[in-house]
């Protein structure tokens, strides 16, 4: 038996022990064609290793950067299922506990056999630099936004809804389809802002223009959308023209902080933008919304948060998973906690009226996006390449799982520019849930 055969035999023996002691409900495929267990059915859920270099790379650098590269190049893969299936069938014990069941001597001896094995390739993410929080300048913001959103409009069309809404949907029934729940979200956002004909609305971080167009069509609002993504601007401007909304909707390539004027808008919507700003730039974000609003004007703040007791909230030290997310997917981003959101709003001169938690809504939204991307993977790979398509797939799955585990949350918060007396809101919130939902344009 040559050295390569001895390596795969040792690794197979280690995984077999691992599989038996933990009574795993999924198997493994190795690069020599063997499986664990040996009689694994061809349609069974399994983790695959495409080559021994993948194992060597994990032995030398067992971290998320290594795993991200191996996953995005399909050198580590999941067969006959998804990440959700693996997570559902994982051992119930904590990682530290189930590692104790392994024979350490055997594990170390096996690992030693791979120490000098070339790691192979490709390594599609290796050139990506470690992320740092945005410095808040328009140049830095544009670079970060372009990295994420200028991937390809056609790519996003493969898995977003027909309106291209890339933020948390709103479910009236958990069984509703994606197009319905995203229209629900647009409708709820308009209702929460109490939009009416002639309202001047700033759409901060307008994306592909879904909210601005919906608000103009269904509520007669006059909307000004700004984004730093060139591809989003091109798409949104074409949509505005196609819908004949040129007199009601203007979409510009502009940093949110560069919007001119004081007290010029009746309403401001920032739906899923705060995540890109960075903690040190929160005062600029909230201050901009306050500056451009008329006294008593309403501000809809919609953003992902982390739990208030998390280590990152108290120390600003990122967990490895979040560091990988900002490095490979969302450069420059950070999350607040809901207590920080409320505090920042009040410090900026706002009065808070509504705070509604949508965590379970986002859990399901991300799962829908994942499943739609998975169903269109061939087209996605053709559009953006294997590495990007697989990276986005694992990102969407990880987001859904994080919301499911309650390690991140989503809140839609309504505030007004503080004034004495009434701001004109109704005495109850029954107007938010009136009549028909999922209005069709």
Protein backbone atom coordinates (compact mmCIF):
# COMPACT_ATOMS: atom_id res chain seq x y z
CA UNK A 1 0.00 0.00 0.00
CA UNK A 2 1.51 3.35 -1.04
CA UNK A 3 1.47 6.50 1.11
CA UNK A 4 -1.62 7.98 -0.59
CA UNK A 5 -3.57 4.75 0.00
CA UNK A 6 -2.44 4.69 3.64
CA UNK A 7 -3.62 8.29 4.11
CA UNK A 8 -7.08 7.68 2.75
CA UNK A 9 -7.34 4.44 4.74
CA UNK A 10 -6.42 6.27 7.96
CA UNK A 11 -8.87 9.06 7.27
CA UNK A 12 -11.61 6.54 6.45
CA UNK A 13 -10.95 4.71 9.73
CA UNK A 14 -11.12 7.97 11.70
CA UNK A 15 -14.39 9.03 10.06
CA UNK A 16 -15.84 5.56 10.62
CA UNK A 17 -15.17 5.83 14.35
CA UNK A 18 -16.56 9.36 14.33
CA UNK A 19 -19.68 8.18 12.51
CA UNK A 20 -20.29 5.21 14.80
CA UNK A 21 -19.68 6.90 18.14
CA UNK A 22 -21.90 9.87 17.29
CA UNK A 23 -24.50 7.73 15.51
CA UNK A 24 -24.58 10.23 12.64
CA UNK A 25 -27.55 10.29 10.30
CA UNK A 26 -25.44 11.32 7.31
CA UNK A 27 -22.39 9.77 5.71
CA UNK A 28 -19.17 10.72 3.94
CA UNK A 29 -17.81 10.36 0.42
CA UNK A 30 -14.02 10.27 -0.04
CA UNK A 31 -11.93 11.11 -3.09
CA UNK A 32 -11.08 7.47 -3.78
CA UNK A 33 -14.77 6.60 -4.20
CA UNK A 34 -15.18 4.97 -0.80
CA UNK A 35 -17.95 5.90 1.63
CA UNK A 36 -18.59 5.94 5.35
CA UNK A 37 -20.41 3.79 6.20
CA UNK A 38 -19.18 1.38 3.55
CA UNK A 39 -22.74 0.49 2.47
CA UNK A 40 -23.94 4.09 2.23
CA UNK A 41 -26.87 4.32 -0.19
CA UNK A 42 -26.15 6.34 -3.32
CA UNK A 43 -29.04 8.72 -2.49
CA UNK A 44 -28.08 9.19 1.17
CA UNK A 45 -27.20 12.57 2.65
CA UNK A 46 -23.43 12.89 2.79
CA UNK A 47 -20.48 15.26 3.13
CA UNK A 48 -17.92 14.79 0.36
CA UNK A 49 -14.18 15.48 0.17
CA UNK A 50 -13.07 15.87 -3.44
CA UNK A 51 -9.32 15.41 -2.84
CA UNK A 52 -6.82 14.77 -0.08
CA UNK A 53 -5.51 18.31 -0.38
CA UNK A 54 -8.77 19.52 1.16
CA UNK A 55 -8.10 17.44 4.24
CA UNK A 56 -4.48 18.62 4.34
CA UNK A 57 -5.62 22.25 4.20
CA UNK A 58 -8.07 21.73 7.09
CA UNK A 59 -5.39 19.97 9.14
CA UNK A 60 -2.94 22.87 8.74
CA UNK A 61 -5.48 25.69 9.03
CA UNK A 62 -8.73 24.46 10.58
CA UNK A 63 -10.66 27.73 10.31
CA UNK A 64 -13.58 29.31 8.46
CA UNK A 65 -11.35 30.88 5.80
CA UNK A 66 -10.12 27.43 4.78
CA UNK A 67 -13.63 25.98 4.85
CA UNK A 68 -15.03 28.90 2.84
CA UNK A 69 -12.46 28.33 0.09
CA UNK A 70 -13.05 24.59 0.03
CA UNK A 71 -16.82 25.05 -0.05
CA UNK A 72 -16.83 27.73 -2.73
CA UNK A 73 -14.66 25.56 -4.98
CA UNK A 74 -16.83 22.46 -4.24
CA UNK A 75 -13.87 20.56 -2.83
CA UNK A 76 -16.02 20.08 0.26
CA UNK A 77 -19.66 19.57 -0.64
CA UNK A 78 -22.99 18.20 0.54
CA UNK A 79 -24.57 15.45 -1.53
CA UNK A 80 -28.29 14.67 -1.70
CA UNK A 81 -29.24 17.54 0.59
CA UNK A 82 -28.39 20.97 1.91
CA UNK A 83 -26.77 22.65 4.89
CA UNK A 84 -30.20 22.67 6.53
CA UNK A 85 -30.33 18.86 6.31
CA UNK A 86 -26.86 18.51 7.84
CA UNK A 87 -27.76 20.90 10.67
CA UNK A 88 -31.02 19.04 11.32
CA UNK A 89 -29.16 15.73 11.62
CA UNK A 90 -26.12 16.99 13.53
CA UNK A 91 -25.26 15.57 16.97
CA UNK A 92 -27.31 17.21 19.70
CA UNK A 93 -24.29 17.63 21.98
CA UNK A 94 -22.13 20.76 21.86
CA UNK A 95 -18.99 20.58 19.68
CA UNK A 96 -16.62 20.42 22.67
CA UNK A 97 -18.60 17.50 24.06
CA UNK A 98 -18.72 15.38 20.93
CA UNK A 99 -15.03 15.95 20.19
CA UNK A 100 -14.32 14.16 23.46
CA UNK A 101 -15.65 10.89 22.06
CA UNK A 102 -12.85 10.73 19.50
CA UNK A 103 -9.60 8.87 20.08
CA UNK A 104 -7.16 11.81 20.27
CA UNK A 105 -4.14 9.67 19.53
CA UNK A 106 -5.75 8.26 16.42
CA UNK A 107 -6.89 11.73 15.31
CA UNK A 108 -3.40 13.19 15.75
CA UNK A 109 -1.73 10.32 13.96
CA UNK A 110 -4.15 10.64 11.06
CA UNK A 111 -3.65 14.40 10.87
CA UNK A 112 0.13 13.92 10.86
CA UNK A 113 -0.12 11.87 7.67
CA UNK A 114 -1.57 14.92 5.87
CA UNK A 115 0.76 17.61 7.21
CA UNK A 116 3.08 17.60 4.20
CA UNK A 117 0.45 16.87 1.55
CA UNK A 118 0.02 19.80 -0.91
CA UNK A 119 -3.23 21.66 -0.27
CA UNK A 120 -4.16 21.64 -3.94
CA UNK A 121 -6.57 24.15 -5.42
CA UNK A 122 -8.27 26.27 -6.47
CA UNK A 123 -8.45 28.87 -3.67
CA UNK A 124 -10.96 31.35 -5.12
CA UNK A 125 -11.29 33.54 -2.02
CA UNK A 126 -7.66 33.77 -0.99
CA UNK A 127 -7.17 37.25 -2.45
CA UNK A 128 -10.03 38.68 -0.36
CA UNK A 129 -8.58 40.86 2.38
CA UNK A 130 -9.74 40.88 5.98
CA UNK A 131 -12.59 43.31 6.48
CA UNK A 132 -12.55 46.50 8.49
CA UNK A 133 -15.44 48.65 9.59
CA UNK A 134 -16.34 51.39 7.11
CA UNK A 135 -14.77 54.78 7.73
CA UNK A 136 -18.05 56.36 6.64
CA UNK A 137 -16.73 58.18 3.58
CA UNK A 138 -18.72 58.05 0.36
CA UNK A 139 -15.74 56.44 -1.40
CA UNK A 140 -15.44 53.63 1.13
CA UNK A 141 -19.20 53.14 1.25
CA UNK A 142 -19.39 52.89 -2.55
CA UNK A 143 -16.60 50.31 -2.65
CA UNK A 144 -18.32 48.16 -0.03
CA UNK A 145 -21.76 48.45 -1.62
CA UNK A 146 -20.39 47.66 -5.08
CA UNK A 147 -18.70 44.52 -3.72
CA UNK A 148 -22.02 43.12 -2.57
CA UNK A 149 -24.69 44.56 -4.85
CA UNK A 150 -22.91 44.94 -8.18
CA UNK A 151 -22.42 41.19 -8.51
CA UNK A 152 -25.04 40.98 -11.28
CA UNK A 153 -28.66 42.07 -11.51
CA UNK A 154 -29.39 38.88 -13.45
CA UNK A 155 -27.94 36.84 -10.57
CA UNK A 156 -30.22 38.49 -8.02
CA UNK A 157 -33.20 38.02 -10.33
CA UNK A 158 -32.68 34.27 -10.09
CA UNK A 159 -33.65 34.14 -6.42
CA UNK A 160 -35.35 37.39 -5.37
CA UNK A 161 -39.06 38.08 -5.89
CA UNK A 162 -40.42 39.77 -8.99
CA UNK A 163 -40.05 43.24 -7.38
CA UNK A 164 -36.40 42.57 -6.43
CA UNK A 165 -36.83 43.19 -2.71
CA UNK A 166 -33.66 42.22 -0.86
CA UNK A 167 -34.82 42.70 2.71
CA UNK A 168 -36.99 40.80 5.18
CA UNK A 169 -40.45 39.88 3.91
CA UNK A 170 -43.65 40.05 5.97
CA UNK A 171 -45.81 36.94 6.31
CA UNK A 172 -49.51 36.98 7.01
CA UNK A 173 -49.48 33.21 6.60
CA UNK A 174 -46.30 31.17 6.94
CA UNK A 175 -47.27 29.28 3.78
CA UNK A 176 -47.44 32.36 1.50
CA UNK A 177 -45.10 32.51 -1.50
CA UNK A 178 -42.18 34.93 -1.84
CA UNK A 179 -43.86 37.36 -4.22
CA UNK A 180 -46.82 37.67 -1.84
CA UNK A 181 -44.80 38.19 1.33
CA UNK A 182 -42.55 40.81 -0.25
CA UNK A 183 -45.58 42.77 -1.44
CA UNK A 184 -46.87 42.42 2.13
CA UNK A 185 -43.64 43.98 3.38
CA UNK A 186 -43.87 46.91 0.95
CA UNK A 187 -47.47 47.42 1.95
CA UNK A 188 -46.72 47.24 5.68
CA UNK A 189 -43.86 49.71 5.28
CA UNK A 190 -46.10 52.19 3.50
CA UNK A 191 -48.85 51.76 6.09
CA UNK A 192 -46.45 52.18 8.99
CA UNK A 193 -45.27 55.46 7.45
CA UNK A 194 -48.93 56.48 6.96
CA UNK A 195 -48.13 57.51 3.40
CA UNK A 196 -50.58 59.71 1.57
CA UNK A 197 -50.65 61.39 -1.86
CA UNK A 198 -48.04 64.11 -2.21
CA UNK A 199 -45.83 62.96 0.67
CA UNK A 200 -42.16 63.60 -0.10
CA UNK A 201 -40.23 60.46 0.80
CA UNK A 202 -36.49 59.82 1.00
CA UNK A 203 -35.68 56.15 0.38
CA UNK A 204 -32.20 55.75 1.90
CA UNK A 205 -30.44 52.76 0.38
CA UNK A 206 -33.24 52.21 -2.12
CA UNK A 207 -31.90 49.00 -3.66
CA UNK A 208 -33.58 48.14 -6.95
CA UNK A 209 -36.31 50.70 -6.32
CA UNK A 210 -39.09 48.41 -5.12
CA UNK A 211 -40.27 50.52 -2.18
CA UNK A 212 -40.10 53.85 -4.04
CA UNK A 213 -42.05 52.50 -6.99
CA UNK A 214 -44.63 50.78 -4.79
CA UNK A 215 -45.14 53.87 -2.64
CA UNK A 216 -45.58 56.07 -5.71
CA UNK A 217 -47.95 53.69 -7.50
CA UNK A 218 -50.15 52.73 -4.57
CA UNK A 219 -49.98 55.80 -2.31
CA UNK A 220 -49.17 58.69 -4.62
CA UNK A 221 -45.95 59.49 -2.76
CA UNK A 222 -43.14 61.53 -4.35
CA UNK A 223 -40.04 59.41 -3.78
CA UNK A 224 -36.32 60.10 -3.94
CA UNK A 225 -34.25 56.92 -3.80
CA UNK A 226 -30.48 56.89 -3.29
CA UNK A 227 -28.01 54.01 -3.50
CA UNK A 228 -24.30 53.58 -4.19
CA UNK A 229 -24.76 50.53 -6.41
CA UNK A 230 -24.44 51.41 -10.09
CA UNK A 231 -26.25 48.27 -11.17
CA UNK A 232 -29.13 48.96 -8.79
CA UNK A 233 -29.45 52.51 -10.12
CA UNK A 234 -29.55 51.33 -13.72
CA UNK A 235 -32.18 48.71 -12.90
CA UNK A 236 -34.32 51.05 -10.77
CA UNK A 237 -34.23 53.89 -13.27
CA UNK A 238 -35.31 51.53 -16.05
CA UNK A 239 -38.15 50.28 -13.82
CA UNK A 240 -39.30 53.83 -13.08
CA UNK A 241 -39.40 54.57 -16.80
CA UNK A 242 -41.17 51.30 -17.61
CA UNK A 243 -43.89 52.04 -15.05
CA UNK A 244 -44.28 55.64 -16.17
CA UNK A 245 -43.34 57.02 -12.75
CA UNK A 246 -40.82 59.65 -13.85
CA UNK A 247 -42.92 62.42 -12.31
CA UNK A 248 -43.04 60.66 -8.91
CA UNK A 249 -39.82 58.70 -8.49
CA UNK A 250 -36.21 59.83 -8.82
CA UNK A 251 -33.38 57.34 -8.31
CA UNK A 252 -29.83 58.65 -7.88
CA UNK A 253 -26.35 57.25 -7.39
CA UNK A 254 -25.56 59.02 -4.14
CA UNK A 255 -24.30 58.42 -0.63
CA UNK A 256 -27.13 58.82 1.87
CA UNK A 257 -25.21 61.44 3.85
CA UNK A 258 -24.86 63.65 0.75
CA UNK A 259 -28.60 64.19 0.40
CA UNK A 260 -29.10 67.96 0.54
CA UNK A 261 -31.48 70.07 2.55
CA UNK A 262 -33.02 70.42 6.00
CA UNK A 263 -36.63 69.65 6.75
CA UNK A 264 -37.49 68.83 3.13
CA UNK A 265 -39.06 65.36 3.45
CA UNK A 266 -42.28 64.27 5.08
CA UNK A 267 -41.09 60.70 5.51
CA UNK A 268 -37.78 58.80 5.42
CA UNK A 269 -37.46 55.05 4.87
CA UNK A 270 -34.22 53.17 5.52
CA UNK A 271 -35.09 49.54 4.90
CA UNK A 272 -32.14 47.22 5.44
CA UNK A 273 -29.42 49.86 5.18
CA UNK A 274 -28.10 50.29 8.73
CA UNK A 275 -26.12 47.03 8.47
CA UNK A 276 -23.74 48.68 5.98
CA UNK A 277 -23.05 51.85 7.96
CA UNK A 278 -20.68 50.76 10.74
CA UNK A 279 -21.10 51.52 14.44
CA UNK A 280 -18.85 54.60 14.45
CA UNK A 281 -21.01 56.11 11.70
CA UNK A 282 -24.38 55.59 13.39
CA UNK A 283 -24.54 59.26 14.47
CA UNK A 284 -24.18 60.33 10.83
CA UNK A 285 -26.88 57.88 9.74
CA UNK A 286 -29.46 58.92 12.33
CA UNK A 287 -28.40 62.55 12.05
CA UNK A 288 -28.97 62.56 8.29
CA UNK A 289 -32.48 61.17 8.68
CA UNK A 290 -33.23 63.77 11.35
CA UNK A 291 -31.78 66.64 9.31
CA UNK A 292 -33.77 66.01 6.15
CA UNK A 293 -37.11 65.39 7.90
CA UNK A 294 -39.70 68.05 8.57
CA UNK A 295 -40.65 68.52 12.25
CA UNK A 296 -42.94 65.65 13.18
CA UNK A 297 -41.91 63.72 10.05
CA UNK A 298 -41.80 59.93 10.28
CA UNK A 299 -38.69 57.77 10.00
CA UNK A 300 -38.99 54.04 9.23
CA UNK A 301 -35.83 52.29 10.42
CA UNK A 302 -35.65 48.61 9.45
CA UNK A 303 -32.55 46.67 10.39
CA UNK A 304 -30.88 43.48 11.58
CA UNK A 305 -29.67 43.45 15.19
CA UNK A 306 -27.73 41.19 17.51
CA UNK A 307 -28.85 40.26 21.06
CA UNK A 308 -28.00 42.85 23.68
CA UNK A 309 -26.12 40.35 25.86
CA UNK A 310 -23.88 39.08 23.06
CA UNK A 311 -20.13 39.41 23.41
CA UNK A 312 -19.94 41.49 20.24
CA UNK A 313 -22.43 43.99 21.65
CA UNK A 314 -20.37 44.46 24.80
CA UNK A 315 -16.85 44.33 23.33
CA UNK A 316 -17.33 45.00 19.57
CA UNK A 317 -15.20 41.90 18.96
CA UNK A 318 -16.61 39.96 16.04
CA UNK A 319 -17.32 36.26 16.32
CA UNK A 320 -15.46 34.21 13.67
CA UNK A 321 -18.70 33.56 11.74
CA UNK A 322 -19.58 37.25 11.55
CA UNK A 323 -16.00 38.16 10.62
CA UNK A 324 -16.23 35.70 7.72
CA UNK A 325 -19.57 37.20 6.69
CA UNK A 326 -18.22 40.74 6.52
CA UNK A 327 -15.03 39.59 4.83
CA UNK A 328 -16.62 37.62 2.02
CA UNK A 329 -20.15 39.04 1.74
CA UNK A 330 -20.80 42.35 3.55
CA UNK A 331 -17.58 44.38 3.83
CA UNK A 332 -17.70 47.29 6.24
CA UNK A 333 -20.83 46.10 7.99
CA UNK A 334 -21.77 45.94 11.66
CA UNK A 335 -24.89 45.30 13.73
CA UNK A 336 -26.45 47.21 16.59
CA UNK A 337 -28.78 45.78 19.24
CA UNK A 338 -32.36 46.98 19.59
CA UNK A 339 -31.60 48.86 22.80
CA UNK A 340 -28.83 50.68 20.95
CA UNK A 341 -31.22 51.47 18.09
CA UNK A 342 -33.74 53.06 20.43
CA UNK A 343 -31.00 54.96 22.27
CA UNK A 344 -29.46 56.24 19.04
CA UNK A 345 -32.84 57.37 17.74
CA UNK A 346 -33.57 59.31 20.93
CA UNK A 347 -30.10 60.84 21.00
CA UNK A 348 -30.58 62.02 17.42
CA UNK A 349 -33.82 63.78 18.34
CA UNK A 350 -36.46 61.17 17.51
CA UNK A 351 -39.50 59.92 19.40
CA UNK A 352 -40.09 56.15 19.08
CA UNK A 353 -43.60 54.95 18.30
CA UNK A 354 -43.45 51.34 17.06
CA UNK A 355 -40.92 48.52 17.43
CA UNK A 356 -41.95 45.24 15.80
CA UNK A 357 -39.80 42.10 15.78
CA UNK A 358 -39.60 40.20 12.49
CA UNK A 359 -36.97 37.56 13.33
CA UNK A 360 -39.06 34.58 12.27
CA UNK A 361 -40.08 36.41 9.11
CA UNK A 362 -36.43 36.81 8.11
CA UNK A 363 -35.65 33.21 9.00
CA UNK A 364 -38.22 32.14 6.41
CA UNK A 365 -37.27 34.82 3.89
CA UNK A 366 -33.63 33.70 3.83
CA UNK A 367 -34.69 30.07 3.51
CA UNK A 368 -36.86 30.98 0.50
CA UNK A 369 -33.95 32.83 -1.10
CA UNK A 370 -31.65 29.86 -0.48
CA UNK A 371 -34.07 27.38 -1.99
CA UNK A 372 -34.67 29.54 -5.07
CA UNK A 373 -30.94 30.01 -5.62
CA UNK A 374 -30.36 26.27 -5.19
CA UNK A 375 -33.07 25.54 -7.77
CA UNK A 376 -31.31 27.90 -10.19
CA UNK A 377 -27.70 26.99 -9.45
CA UNK A 378 -26.79 26.10 -13.03
CA UNK A 379 -27.93 29.53 -14.23
CA UNK A 380 -26.25 31.20 -11.23
CA UNK A 381 -22.91 29.51 -11.94
CA UNK A 382 -23.17 30.54 -15.57
CA UNK A 383 -23.86 34.15 -14.53
CA UNK A 384 -21.34 34.72 -11.71
CA UNK A 385 -19.14 31.65 -11.55
CA UNK A 386 -19.05 28.62 -9.26
CA UNK A 387 -17.31 30.28 -6.31
CA UNK A 388 -19.68 33.24 -6.03
CA UNK A 389 -22.81 31.16 -6.54
CA UNK A 390 -21.80 28.65 -3.86
CA UNK A 391 -20.65 31.39 -1.49
CA UNK A 392 -24.02 33.13 -1.72
CA UNK A 393 -25.82 29.82 -1.22
CA UNK A 394 -24.01 29.08 2.04
CA UNK A 395 -24.44 32.72 3.14
CA UNK A 396 -28.22 32.59 2.71
CA UNK A 397 -28.39 29.29 4.57
CA UNK A 398 -26.23 30.61 7.41
CA UNK A 399 -28.44 33.70 7.72
CA UNK A 400 -31.60 31.63 7.95
CA UNK A 401 -30.04 29.36 10.57
CA UNK A 402 -28.81 32.37 12.57
CA UNK A 403 -32.29 33.86 12.68
CA UNK A 404 -33.72 30.46 13.60
CA UNK A 405 -31.25 30.16 16.49
CA UNK A 406 -32.04 33.71 17.62
CA UNK A 407 -28.42 34.86 17.40
CA UNK A 408 -29.58 37.74 15.18
CA UNK A 409 -32.91 39.55 15.01
CA UNK A 410 -34.77 42.00 12.76
CA UNK A 411 -36.84 44.97 13.89
CA UNK A 412 -38.93 47.47 12.01
CA UNK A 413 -39.03 50.67 14.05
CA UNK A 414 -41.07 53.83 13.49
CA UNK A 415 -39.95 57.14 14.95
CA UNK A 416 -40.79 60.79 14.41
CA UNK A 417 -38.71 63.93 14.48
CA UNK A 418 -39.45 65.10 18.00
CA UNK A 419 -41.97 67.92 18.43
CA UNK A 420 -44.27 69.19 21.14
CA UNK A 421 -47.86 68.05 20.83
CA UNK A 422 -49.28 65.51 18.41
CA UNK A 423 -47.46 64.10 15.39
CA UNK A 424 -50.75 63.02 13.83
CA UNK A 425 -50.57 59.27 14.35
CA UNK A 426 -53.88 57.45 14.98
CA UNK A 427 -54.66 56.39 18.54
CA UNK A 428 -54.39 52.66 17.71
CA UNK A 429 -52.52 50.49 15.23
CA UNK A 430 -55.55 48.85 13.64
CA UNK A 431 -54.90 50.87 10.45
CA UNK A 432 -51.76 48.79 9.86
CA UNK A 433 -53.77 45.60 9.47
CA UNK A 434 -56.83 46.85 7.63
CA UNK A 435 -58.31 45.38 4.45
CA UNK A 436 -56.57 43.47 1.70
CA UNK A 437 -52.91 42.50 1.74
CA UNK A 438 -50.45 41.79 -1.05
CA UNK A 439 -51.83 44.55 -3.25
CA UNK A 440 -51.05 43.99 -6.90
CA UNK A 441 -49.54 46.87 -8.83
